[in-house]
Amino acid sequence: SKVRNYFIEKINELDKVYVNSPENSLPYIINISIEGVPSQVMLNSLSSMGIYVSAGSACAKGHRSDVLTAMRIEPRRIDSAIRISLSKTTTENDMDLLYNGIVETIKRVRR
């Protein structure tokens, strides 16, 4: 929970980045949307940095997530959603690397 909350505080500082996960959700998964950066673009960019996340939600399988739709998330946010999985070994430093990768990608992709 501590690492999750640390990351959410940092990510909330960014413009047009939204935390889709409810506050009372499990601490091991964070779902966020980065407006203006499609999920696959963010995945590819982060992957090139050695950072691995997933698109949408666990049950999306290549199309808009029914879960995010049921949560009344706007389609443009669903299309830019990424899922971040944490483990007991995930550190604040790991989350800093992810945060920096997201910021770098936003600067490169958003116009």
Protein backbone atom coordinates (compact mmCIF):
# COMPACT_ATOMS: atom_id res chain seq x y z
CA SER A 1 0.00 0.00 0.00
CA LYS A 2 2.84 2.39 0.82
CA VAL A 3 4.46 2.01 -2.63
CA ARG A 4 1.07 2.22 -4.38
CA ASN A 5 0.16 5.41 -2.51
CA TYR A 6 3.60 6.89 -3.21
CA PHE A 7 3.12 6.36 -6.96
CA ILE A 8 -0.45 7.66 -6.99
CA GLU A 9 0.63 10.87 -5.25
CA LYS A 10 3.32 11.39 -7.90
CA ILE A 11 1.11 10.52 -10.87
CA ASN A 12 -1.65 12.85 -9.64
CA GLU A 13 0.79 15.74 -10.19
CA LEU A 14 0.67 15.16 -13.97
CA ASP A 15 -1.77 16.98 -16.24
CA LYS A 16 -4.42 14.82 -17.90
CA VAL A 17 -3.32 11.63 -16.16
CA TYR A 18 -6.11 9.89 -14.28
CA VAL A 19 -6.11 7.12 -11.70
CA ASN A 20 -8.93 4.76 -12.67
CA SER A 21 -8.48 2.41 -9.70
CA PRO A 22 -10.85 3.11 -6.82
CA GLU A 23 -9.23 4.21 -3.56
CA ASN A 24 -10.37 1.00 -1.85
CA SER A 25 -8.99 -1.32 -4.55
CA LEU A 26 -6.32 -3.94 -3.93
CA PRO A 27 -2.89 -2.37 -3.52
CA TYR A 28 -1.24 -4.64 -6.10
CA ILE A 29 -2.85 -3.20 -9.23
CA ILE A 30 -3.05 0.40 -10.40
CA ASN A 31 -4.97 1.36 -13.51
CA ILE A 32 -4.31 4.81 -14.97
CA SER A 33 -5.18 6.67 -18.16
CA ILE A 34 -2.78 9.05 -19.88
CA GLU A 35 -4.86 11.31 -22.09
CA GLY A 36 -3.35 11.86 -25.52
CA VAL A 37 -1.17 8.74 -25.39
CA PRO A 38 -2.79 5.50 -26.66
CA SER A 39 -2.18 2.46 -24.45
CA GLN A 40 -0.12 0.60 -27.04
CA VAL A 41 2.12 3.61 -27.65
CA MET A 42 2.80 3.90 -23.91
CA LEU A 43 3.42 0.14 -23.63
CA ASN A 44 5.91 0.19 -26.50
CA SER A 45 7.71 3.25 -25.17
CA LEU A 46 8.02 1.88 -21.64
CA SER A 47 9.04 -1.53 -22.97
CA SER A 48 11.92 0.09 -24.86
CA MET A 49 13.08 1.39 -21.44
CA GLY A 50 12.84 -2.06 -19.84
CA ILE A 51 9.59 -1.20 -18.03
CA TYR A 52 6.69 -3.59 -18.54
CA VAL A 53 3.03 -2.78 -17.93
CA SER A 54 -0.21 -3.95 -19.56
CA ALA A 55 -2.95 -2.23 -21.52
CA GLY A 56 -6.49 -1.69 -20.28
CA SER A 57 -7.69 -4.16 -17.68
CA ALA A 58 -6.95 -7.83 -17.16
CA CYS A 59 -10.07 -8.93 -19.01
CA ALA A 60 -9.89 -6.61 -22.05
CA LYS A 61 -8.00 -8.93 -24.46
CA GLY A 62 -7.49 -6.51 -27.34
CA HIS A 63 -10.70 -4.50 -27.10
CA ARG A 64 -12.23 -1.93 -24.77
CA SER A 65 -12.40 -3.19 -21.24
CA ASP A 66 -15.89 -4.08 -20.02
CA VAL A 67 -14.66 -3.38 -16.49
CA LEU A 68 -13.52 0.15 -17.28
CA THR A 69 -16.70 0.73 -19.30
CA ALA A 70 -18.81 -0.44 -16.33
CA MET A 71 -16.89 2.01 -14.16
CA ARG A 72 -18.18 4.73 -16.52
CA ILE A 73 -14.70 5.65 -17.70
CA GLU A 74 -14.85 7.68 -20.93
CA PRO A 75 -13.85 5.77 -24.10
CA ARG A 76 -10.88 8.09 -24.77
CA ARG A 77 -9.57 7.32 -21.29
CA ILE A 78 -10.14 3.59 -21.75
CA ASP A 79 -8.11 3.76 -24.97
CA SER A 80 -5.19 5.25 -23.04
CA ALA A 81 -5.43 3.02 -19.96
CA ILE A 82 -2.50 1.03 -18.63
CA ARG A 83 -2.42 -1.51 -15.82
CA ILE A 84 0.51 -1.52 -13.42
CA SER A 85 1.11 -4.63 -11.31
CA LEU A 86 3.10 -4.42 -8.09
CA SER A 87 4.62 -7.18 -6.00
CA LYS A 88 6.07 -7.38 -2.52
CA THR A 89 9.46 -6.59 -4.06
CA THR A 90 8.33 -3.42 -5.89
CA THR A 91 10.10 -0.36 -4.46
CA GLU A 92 9.57 3.38 -4.58
CA ASN A 93 12.64 3.50 -6.83
CA ASP A 94 10.88 1.14 -9.26
CA MET A 95 7.88 3.47 -9.26
CA ASP A 96 10.16 6.48 -9.84
CA LEU A 97 11.54 4.76 -12.95
CA LEU A 98 8.00 4.10 -14.19
CA TYR A 99 6.96 7.68 -13.44
CA ASN A 100 9.97 9.07 -15.32
CA GLY A 101 9.23 6.77 -18.27
CA ILE A 102 5.64 7.97 -18.38
CA VAL A 103 6.73 11.63 -18.23
CA GLU A 104 9.30 11.09 -21.00
CA THR A 105 6.72 9.38 -23.20
CA ILE A 106 4.13 12.11 -22.62
CA LYS A 107 6.64 14.78 -23.65
CA ARG A 108 7.48 12.87 -26.81
CA VAL A 109 3.94 11.90 -27.86
CA ARG A 110 1.61 14.69 -26.79
CA ARG A 111 1.58 17.64 -29.14
